[in-house]
Amino acid sequence: MRGIAAIALVGLSACASSGSAGSGGPEQSVHIAGMNNSRGLRVTTATEGPRIDVVPLPIERVWGALPAVYDSLQVPVTDRNEAEHRIGNQSLRARGRLGGVLLSRYFNCGSTQGGPNAETYNLQISVLTFARQESATATALATTLQATARPVTLSGEAVQCSSTGALETRIRNMVIARARG
């Protein structure tokens, strides 16, 4: 859990002002002054980082909308921290669909003759969203997705899945709609 939280915090601290999605690139070490101790926190991030969007809404409205967004997506909230403005689920299990949407829309887990693995395999998903105030009228949202897929009937190794970006976009759009509503 701390690894995911640290990655999202690194992304928020380093990239939130850009308003763009995290991009793949070489691994990097980032030092964040003032985190957890006087020396800071050293974190090594992988090539896939959080998706970061800056939305034109105050943090109170964004944070207030996030539980309803997760509920609409049928993602049970098992991780919620008011002080860190963190919400999500790090142990979500799904097969075929999530909230009525084919998992292949959200994840690329490879494919077999039967079609996309995301639709036929059991997925173990971690989805976390962090909110950070950028200004009085803007909030940075960092959503981190991680997933692995395993065949249902055959023994086999877990397959790492990558995000298509669709779930992160949907979270952002739903937050904006609910927070303005």
C-alpha atoms as a PDB file:
ATOM      1  CA  MET A   1       0.000   0.000   0.000  1.00  0.00           C
ATOM      2  CA  ARG A   2       2.735   2.469   0.887  1.00  0.00           C
ATOM      3  CA  GLY A   3       4.402   1.888  -2.483  1.00  0.00           C
ATOM      4  CA  ILE A   4       1.273   2.850  -4.392  1.00  0.00           C
ATOM      5  CA  ALA A   5       0.651   5.809  -2.107  1.00  0.00           C
ATOM      6  CA  ALA A   6       4.222   6.991  -2.543  1.00  0.00           C
ATOM      7  CA  ILE A   7       4.030   6.707  -6.326  1.00  0.00           C
ATOM      8  CA  ALA A   8       0.851   8.766  -6.415  1.00  0.00           C
ATOM      9  CA  LEU A   9       2.322  11.361  -4.075  1.00  0.00           C
ATOM     10  CA  VAL A  10       5.446  11.545  -6.207  1.00  0.00           C
ATOM     11  CA  GLY A  11       3.278  12.083  -9.271  1.00  0.00           C
ATOM     12  CA  LEU A  12       1.217  14.760  -7.582  1.00  0.00           C
ATOM     13  CA  SER A  13       4.286  16.566  -6.316  1.00  0.00           C
ATOM     14  CA  ALA A  14       6.267  16.305  -9.519  1.00  0.00           C
ATOM     15  CA  CYS A  15       3.701  16.467 -12.296  1.00  0.00           C
ATOM     16  CA  ALA A  16       0.365  17.855 -11.138  1.00  0.00           C
ATOM     17  CA  SER A  17       0.901  21.296 -12.559  1.00  0.00           C
ATOM     18  CA  SER A  18       1.312  19.831 -16.040  1.00  0.00           C
ATOM     19  CA  GLY A  19      -2.198  18.369 -16.092  1.00  0.00           C
ATOM     20  CA  SER A  20      -1.073  15.497 -18.256  1.00  0.00           C
ATOM     21  CA  ALA A  21      -1.105  11.765 -17.831  1.00  0.00           C
ATOM     22  CA  GLY A  22       1.925  10.000 -16.428  1.00  0.00           C
ATOM     23  CA  SER A  23       4.091   8.735 -19.232  1.00  0.00           C
ATOM     24  CA  GLY A  24       6.290   5.743 -19.564  1.00  0.00           C
ATOM     25  CA  GLY A  25       9.985   6.380 -19.348  1.00  0.00           C
ATOM     26  CA  PRO A  26      13.072   5.209 -17.573  1.00  0.00           C
ATOM     27  CA  GLU A  27      12.939   4.467 -13.878  1.00  0.00           C
ATOM     28  CA  GLN A  28      13.734   7.463 -11.745  1.00  0.00           C
ATOM     29  CA  SER A  29      14.411   8.260  -8.104  1.00  0.00           C
ATOM     30  CA  VAL A  30      12.633  11.247  -6.655  1.00  0.00           C
ATOM     31  CA  HIS A  31      13.372  12.994  -3.368  1.00  0.00           C
ATOM     32  CA  ILE A  32      10.428  14.787  -1.780  1.00  0.00           C
ATOM     33  CA  ALA A  33      11.438  17.248   0.906  1.00  0.00           C
ATOM     34  CA  GLY A  34       9.238  17.398   3.969  1.00  0.00           C
ATOM     35  CA  MET A  35       7.648  13.957   3.544  1.00  0.00           C
ATOM     36  CA  ASN A  36       7.514  11.753   6.679  1.00  0.00           C
ATOM     37  CA  ASN A  37      10.818  12.996   8.094  1.00  0.00           C
ATOM     38  CA  SER A  38      13.219  15.900   7.889  1.00  0.00           C
ATOM     39  CA  ARG A  39      15.380  14.137   5.278  1.00  0.00           C
ATOM     40  CA  GLY A  40      12.469  13.465   2.963  1.00  0.00           C
ATOM     41  CA  LEU A  41      11.277  10.254   1.333  1.00  0.00           C
ATOM     42  CA  ARG A  42      13.189   8.505  -1.442  1.00  0.00           C
ATOM     43  CA  VAL A  43      11.026   6.592  -3.873  1.00  0.00           C
ATOM     44  CA  THR A  44      11.832   4.735  -7.068  1.00  0.00           C
ATOM     45  CA  THR A  45       8.983   4.851  -9.524  1.00  0.00           C
ATOM     46  CA  ALA A  46       8.306   2.332 -12.257  1.00  0.00           C
ATOM     47  CA  THR A  47       7.692   3.258 -15.860  1.00  0.00           C
ATOM     48  CA  GLU A  48       3.929   3.457 -15.334  1.00  0.00           C
ATOM     49  CA  GLY A  49       2.865   6.211 -12.984  1.00  0.00           C
ATOM     50  CA  PRO A  50      -0.390   7.722 -11.880  1.00  0.00           C
ATOM     51  CA  ARG A  51      -2.674   9.480 -14.313  1.00  0.00           C
ATOM     52  CA  ILE A  52      -2.768  13.102 -13.199  1.00  0.00           C
ATOM     53  CA  ASP A  53      -5.457  15.576 -14.157  1.00  0.00           C
ATOM     54  CA  VAL A  54      -6.012  19.079 -12.850  1.00  0.00           C
ATOM     55  CA  VAL A  55      -9.723  19.848 -12.606  1.00  0.00           C
ATOM     56  CA  PRO A  56     -11.099  23.387 -12.251  1.00  0.00           C
ATOM     57  CA  LEU A  57     -12.850  22.762  -8.929  1.00  0.00           C
ATOM     58  CA  PRO A  58     -11.965  23.328  -5.265  1.00  0.00           C
ATOM     59  CA  ILE A  59     -10.743  20.292  -3.348  1.00  0.00           C
ATOM     60  CA  GLU A  60     -13.782  20.216  -1.041  1.00  0.00           C
ATOM     61  CA  ARG A  61     -16.109  19.621  -3.982  1.00  0.00           C
ATOM     62  CA  VAL A  62     -13.793  17.091  -5.624  1.00  0.00           C
ATOM     63  CA  TRP A  63     -13.262  15.140  -2.404  1.00  0.00           C
ATOM     64  CA  GLY A  64     -16.996  15.211  -1.714  1.00  0.00           C
ATOM     65  CA  ALA A  65     -17.751  13.727  -5.153  1.00  0.00           C
ATOM     66  CA  LEU A  66     -15.227  10.880  -5.099  1.00  0.00           C
ATOM     67  CA  PRO A  67     -17.175   8.403  -2.893  1.00  0.00           C
ATOM     68  CA  ALA A  68     -20.221   8.661  -5.181  1.00  0.00           C
ATOM     69  CA  VAL A  69     -18.005   8.223  -8.243  1.00  0.00           C
ATOM     70  CA  TYR A  70     -16.498   5.024  -6.849  1.00  0.00           C
ATOM     71  CA  ASP A  71     -19.987   3.802  -5.912  1.00  0.00           C
ATOM     72  CA  SER A  72     -21.249   4.469  -9.464  1.00  0.00           C
ATOM     73  CA  LEU A  73     -18.312   2.517 -10.873  1.00  0.00           C
ATOM     74  CA  GLN A  74     -19.183  -0.343  -8.500  1.00  0.00           C
ATOM     75  CA  VAL A  75     -15.770  -0.158  -6.870  1.00  0.00           C
ATOM     76  CA  PRO A  76     -16.235  -0.758  -3.132  1.00  0.00           C
ATOM     77  CA  VAL A  77     -14.160   1.725  -1.139  1.00  0.00           C
ATOM     78  CA  THR A  78     -11.843  -0.153   1.228  1.00  0.00           C
ATOM     79  CA  ASP A  79      -9.171   2.523   1.535  1.00  0.00           C
ATOM     80  CA  ARG A  80     -10.195   6.040   2.525  1.00  0.00           C
ATOM     81  CA  ASN A  81      -7.970   8.596   4.216  1.00  0.00           C
ATOM     82  CA  GLU A  82      -9.484  12.043   4.759  1.00  0.00           C
ATOM     83  CA  ALA A  83      -6.171  13.667   5.752  1.00  0.00           C
ATOM     84  CA  GLU A  84      -4.402  12.473   2.583  1.00  0.00           C
ATOM     85  CA  HIS A  85      -7.505  12.823   0.387  1.00  0.00           C
ATOM     86  CA  ARG A  86      -6.998   9.225  -0.733  1.00  0.00           C
ATOM     87  CA  ILE A  87      -9.774   6.850  -1.737  1.00  0.00           C
ATOM     88  CA  GLY A  88      -9.874   3.497  -3.466  1.00  0.00           C
ATOM     89  CA  ASN A  89      -9.609  -0.254  -3.291  1.00  0.00           C
ATOM     90  CA  GLN A  90      -6.329  -2.144  -3.397  1.00  0.00           C
ATOM     91  CA  SER A  91      -7.750  -5.656  -3.528  1.00  0.00           C
ATOM     92  CA  LEU A  92     -10.652  -5.554  -5.953  1.00  0.00           C
ATOM     93  CA  ARG A  93     -11.378  -8.823  -7.732  1.00  0.00           C
ATOM     94  CA  ALA A  94     -13.280  -8.763 -10.995  1.00  0.00           C
ATOM     95  CA  ARG A  95     -14.006 -10.976 -13.969  1.00  0.00           C
ATOM     96  CA  GLY A  96     -15.401  -9.841 -17.296  1.00  0.00           C
ATOM     97  CA  ARG A  97     -16.951  -6.535 -16.247  1.00  0.00           C
ATOM     98  CA  LEU A  98     -16.590  -3.731 -13.768  1.00  0.00           C
ATOM     99  CA  GLY A  99     -19.719  -1.693 -13.185  1.00  0.00           C
ATOM    100  CA  GLY A 100     -21.247  -3.055 -16.379  1.00  0.00           C
ATOM    101  CA  VAL A 101     -18.217  -2.137 -18.512  1.00  0.00           C
ATOM    102  CA  LEU A 102     -16.027  -4.794 -20.137  1.00  0.00           C
ATOM    103  CA  LEU A 103     -12.691  -4.950 -18.321  1.00  0.00           C
ATOM    104  CA  SER A 104     -10.911  -4.871 -21.684  1.00  0.00           C
ATOM    105  CA  ARG A 105     -12.075  -1.253 -21.975  1.00  0.00           C
ATOM    106  CA  TYR A 106     -10.013  -0.424 -18.874  1.00  0.00           C
ATOM    107  CA  PHE A 107      -7.134  -2.928 -19.023  1.00  0.00           C
ATOM    108  CA  ASN A 108      -4.876  -4.547 -21.585  1.00  0.00           C
ATOM    109  CA  CYS A 109      -3.849  -7.973 -20.277  1.00  0.00           C
ATOM    110  CA  GLY A 110      -2.928  -9.514 -23.615  1.00  0.00           C
ATOM    111  CA  SER A 111      -5.142 -11.885 -25.537  1.00  0.00           C
ATOM    112  CA  THR A 112      -5.655 -15.513 -26.430  1.00  0.00           C
ATOM    113  CA  GLN A 113      -7.725 -17.239 -29.085  1.00  0.00           C
ATOM    114  CA  GLY A 114     -10.779 -16.608 -26.904  1.00  0.00           C
ATOM    115  CA  GLY A 115     -10.299 -12.852 -27.019  1.00  0.00           C
ATOM    116  CA  PRO A 116      -8.867 -10.255 -24.642  1.00  0.00           C
ATOM    117  CA  ASN A 117      -7.597 -11.806 -21.395  1.00  0.00           C
ATOM    118  CA  ALA A 118      -9.178  -8.949 -19.435  1.00  0.00           C
ATOM    119  CA  GLU A 119     -12.587 -10.359 -20.356  1.00  0.00           C
ATOM    120  CA  THR A 120     -11.926 -14.021 -19.586  1.00  0.00           C
ATOM    121  CA  TYR A 121      -9.335 -13.996 -16.775  1.00  0.00           C
ATOM    122  CA  ASN A 122      -9.769 -13.194 -13.083  1.00  0.00           C
ATOM    123  CA  LEU A 123      -8.326  -9.752 -12.402  1.00  0.00           C
ATOM    124  CA  GLN A 124      -6.834  -8.497  -9.144  1.00  0.00           C
ATOM    125  CA  ILE A 125      -7.091  -4.707  -9.306  1.00  0.00           C
ATOM    126  CA  SER A 126      -5.804  -1.816  -7.258  1.00  0.00           C
ATOM    127  CA  VAL A 127      -7.371   1.570  -7.972  1.00  0.00           C
ATOM    128  CA  LEU A 128      -6.499   4.593  -5.837  1.00  0.00           C
ATOM    129  CA  THR A 129      -7.306   8.252  -6.355  1.00  0.00           C
ATOM    130  CA  PHE A 130      -5.546  11.067  -4.536  1.00  0.00           C
ATOM    131  CA  ALA A 131      -6.720  14.681  -4.558  1.00  0.00           C
ATOM    132  CA  ARG A 132      -4.456  17.648  -3.875  1.00  0.00           C
ATOM    133  CA  GLN A 133      -5.368  21.302  -3.842  1.00  0.00           C
ATOM    134  CA  GLU A 134      -3.542  23.209  -6.570  1.00  0.00           C
ATOM    135  CA  SER A 135      -5.242  26.558  -5.929  1.00  0.00           C
ATOM    136  CA  ALA A 136      -8.495  27.840  -4.467  1.00  0.00           C
ATOM    137  CA  THR A 137     -10.267  26.788  -7.667  1.00  0.00           C
ATOM    138  CA  ALA A 138      -8.213  23.837  -8.953  1.00  0.00           C
ATOM    139  CA  THR A 139      -7.517  20.318  -7.698  1.00  0.00           C
ATOM    140  CA  ALA A 140      -5.047  17.733  -8.968  1.00  0.00           C
ATOM    141  CA  LEU A 141      -6.418  14.192  -9.216  1.00  0.00           C
ATOM    142  CA  ALA A 142      -3.921  11.330  -9.381  1.00  0.00           C
ATOM    143  CA  THR A 143      -5.397   7.927 -10.138  1.00  0.00           C
ATOM    144  CA  THR A 144      -3.171   4.874  -9.969  1.00  0.00           C
ATOM    145  CA  LEU A 145      -4.291   1.572 -11.494  1.00  0.00           C
ATOM    146  CA  GLN A 146      -2.525  -1.737 -11.191  1.00  0.00           C
ATOM    147  CA  ALA A 147      -3.885  -5.109 -12.236  1.00  0.00           C
ATOM    148  CA  THR A 148      -2.841  -8.686 -12.736  1.00  0.00           C
ATOM    149  CA  ALA A 149      -4.839 -11.376 -14.508  1.00  0.00           C
ATOM    150  CA  ARG A 150      -4.919 -15.134 -13.994  1.00  0.00           C
ATOM    151  CA  PRO A 151      -6.599 -17.774 -16.162  1.00  0.00           C
ATOM    152  CA  VAL A 152      -9.809 -19.099 -14.639  1.00  0.00           C
ATOM    153  CA  THR A 153      -9.556 -22.785 -15.521  1.00  0.00           C
ATOM    154  CA  LEU A 154      -5.914 -23.314 -16.373  1.00  0.00           C
ATOM    155  CA  SER A 155      -2.999 -23.088 -14.037  1.00  0.00           C
ATOM    156  CA  GLY A 156      -0.627 -20.427 -15.154  1.00  0.00           C
ATOM    157  CA  GLU A 157       1.375 -17.418 -14.225  1.00  0.00           C
ATOM    158  CA  ALA A 158      -0.261 -14.092 -13.520  1.00  0.00           C
ATOM    159  CA  VAL A 159      -0.193 -11.640 -16.408  1.00  0.00           C
ATOM    160  CA  GLN A 160       0.586  -7.969 -15.728  1.00  0.00           C
ATOM    161  CA  CYS A 161      -2.089  -5.683 -17.152  1.00  0.00           C
ATOM    162  CA  SER A 162      -1.679  -2.111 -18.286  1.00  0.00           C
ATOM    163  CA  SER A 163      -4.271   0.611 -18.124  1.00  0.00           C
ATOM    164  CA  THR A 164      -5.938   1.873 -21.277  1.00  0.00           C
ATOM    165  CA  GLY A 165      -6.561   5.222 -19.568  1.00  0.00           C
ATOM    166  CA  ALA A 166     -10.331   4.870 -19.908  1.00  0.00           C
ATOM    167  CA  LEU A 167     -11.051   4.299 -16.203  1.00  0.00           C
ATOM    168  CA  GLU A 168      -8.909   7.261 -15.152  1.00  0.00           C
ATOM    169  CA  THR A 169     -10.710   9.436 -17.717  1.00  0.00           C
ATOM    170  CA  ARG A 170     -14.075   8.196 -16.517  1.00  0.00           C
ATOM    171  CA  ILE A 171     -13.201   8.977 -12.885  1.00  0.00           C
ATOM    172  CA  ARG A 172     -12.120  12.502 -13.857  1.00  0.00           C
ATOM    173  CA  ASN A 173     -15.245  13.147 -15.933  1.00  0.00           C
ATOM    174  CA  MET A 174     -17.577  11.781 -13.267  1.00  0.00           C
ATOM    175  CA  VAL A 175     -15.894  13.876 -10.556  1.00  0.00           C
ATOM    176  CA  ILE A 176     -16.322  17.025 -12.641  1.00  0.00           C
ATOM    177  CA  ALA A 177     -19.967  16.236 -13.394  1.00  0.00           C
ATOM    178  CA  ARG A 178     -20.859  15.385  -9.782  1.00  0.00           C
ATOM    179  CA  ALA A 179     -18.887  18.220  -8.208  1.00  0.00           C
ATOM    180  CA  ARG A 180     -20.522  20.788 -10.489  1.00  0.00           C
ATOM    181  CA  GLY A 181     -23.968  19.181 -10.220  1.00  0.00           C
END
